[in-house]
Amino acid sequence: MRHRANPPPVKGNSNDNSRLILTSPAALPVSMSFNATAAALAISPRTFRNWLRAGKGPVPVRLGGRHMVFLADDVEAFLRAHRGVGGEG
């Protein structure tokens, strides 16, 4: 019988710190998906895609191929920089 050197963590395991980070109201995730970022910016995914094509919005981090994430710090900085900006843009 073969044994794994390091078994995968079990959800709810006391050693699984990622669960604590994501459920803590004071902590933001380190990275955000495309849809989560669009929601945080209060715009539709289609509008967000258009923004990215036009060079607007937080800079994506490409993880290979078409997969991208956005760093929470970058999203927060973008929101702060554009607070109170209205109209077309």
Protein backbone atom coordinates (compact mmCIF):
# COMPACT_ATOMS: atom_id res chain seq x y z
CA MET A 1 0.00 0.00 0.00
CA ARG A 2 1.35 3.41 -0.98
CA HIS A 3 1.21 6.39 1.37
CA ARG A 4 1.28 10.02 0.38
CA ALA A 5 4.12 12.06 1.81
CA ASN A 6 1.84 15.05 2.42
CA PRO A 7 -1.89 14.36 2.37
CA PRO A 8 -4.06 17.23 1.10
CA PRO A 9 -5.59 19.43 3.82
CA VAL A 10 -9.13 18.60 4.84
CA LYS A 11 -11.73 21.38 4.84
CA GLY A 12 -12.28 22.56 8.36
CA ASN A 13 -8.94 21.19 9.52
CA SER A 14 -7.36 23.40 12.18
CA ASN A 15 -4.21 23.51 10.01
CA ASP A 16 -6.14 24.99 7.07
CA ASN A 17 -5.44 28.72 7.49
CA SER A 18 -6.89 29.69 4.08
CA ARG A 19 -10.39 29.12 5.41
CA LEU A 20 -9.77 31.56 8.25
CA ILE A 21 -8.42 34.24 5.92
CA LEU A 22 -11.31 34.07 3.45
CA THR A 23 -14.05 34.12 6.07
CA SER A 24 -12.56 36.95 8.13
CA PRO A 25 -14.48 40.19 7.48
CA ALA A 26 -11.35 42.28 8.09
CA ALA A 27 -9.24 40.46 5.48
CA LEU A 28 -9.57 40.64 1.73
CA PRO A 29 -8.44 37.78 -0.49
CA VAL A 30 -5.00 38.29 -2.02
CA SER A 31 -6.36 37.85 -5.53
CA MET A 32 -9.77 38.20 -7.11
CA SER A 33 -11.33 36.57 -10.16
CA PHE A 34 -12.50 38.54 -13.17
CA ASN A 35 -16.17 38.35 -12.10
CA ALA A 36 -15.40 39.17 -8.45
CA THR A 37 -13.41 42.21 -9.56
CA ALA A 38 -16.23 43.41 -11.82
CA ALA A 39 -18.63 43.04 -8.89
CA ALA A 40 -16.27 44.95 -6.58
CA LEU A 41 -16.16 47.76 -9.17
CA ALA A 42 -19.99 47.66 -9.39
CA ILE A 43 -19.94 47.16 -13.15
CA SER A 44 -21.02 44.31 -15.41
CA PRO A 45 -18.45 41.76 -16.60
CA ARG A 46 -19.02 43.01 -20.17
CA THR A 47 -18.24 46.62 -19.19
CA PHE A 48 -15.20 45.44 -17.27
CA ARG A 49 -13.93 43.50 -20.30
CA ASN A 50 -14.36 46.66 -22.42
CA TRP A 51 -12.45 48.68 -19.82
CA LEU A 52 -9.56 46.22 -19.90
CA ARG A 53 -9.41 46.33 -23.70
CA ALA A 54 -9.27 50.14 -23.47
CA GLY A 55 -6.50 50.03 -20.85
CA LYS A 56 -8.74 51.08 -17.93
CA GLY A 57 -9.13 49.41 -14.57
CA PRO A 58 -6.73 47.50 -12.34
CA VAL A 59 -3.95 45.63 -14.13
CA PRO A 60 -4.60 41.88 -14.46
CA VAL A 61 -2.07 39.24 -13.46
CA ARG A 62 -1.94 36.57 -16.17
CA LEU A 63 -1.56 33.05 -14.83
CA GLY A 64 -1.22 31.39 -18.20
CA GLY A 65 -3.29 31.41 -21.31
CA ARG A 66 -6.42 33.49 -20.84
CA HIS A 67 -6.66 32.97 -17.07
CA MET A 68 -6.22 36.18 -15.11
CA VAL A 69 -6.67 37.40 -11.56
CA PHE A 70 -6.53 40.84 -10.00
CA LEU A 71 -4.62 41.66 -6.84
CA ALA A 72 -6.94 42.94 -4.14
CA ASP A 73 -4.51 45.76 -3.32
CA ASP A 74 -4.61 46.92 -6.97
CA VAL A 75 -8.42 46.83 -7.03
CA GLU A 76 -8.59 48.80 -3.79
CA ALA A 77 -6.07 51.36 -5.09
CA PHE A 78 -8.07 51.75 -8.31
CA LEU A 79 -11.27 52.32 -6.33
CA ARG A 80 -9.57 54.92 -4.13
CA ALA A 81 -8.08 56.72 -7.12
CA HIS A 82 -11.45 56.88 -8.88
CA ARG A 83 -13.68 57.64 -5.90
CA GLY A 84 -16.23 60.27 -6.81
CA VAL A 85 -15.38 60.20 -10.52
CA GLY A 86 -18.59 60.14 -12.53
CA GLY A 87 -19.85 60.61 -16.03
CA GLU A 88 -18.45 58.94 -19.12
CA GLY A 89 -14.94 57.81 -18.97
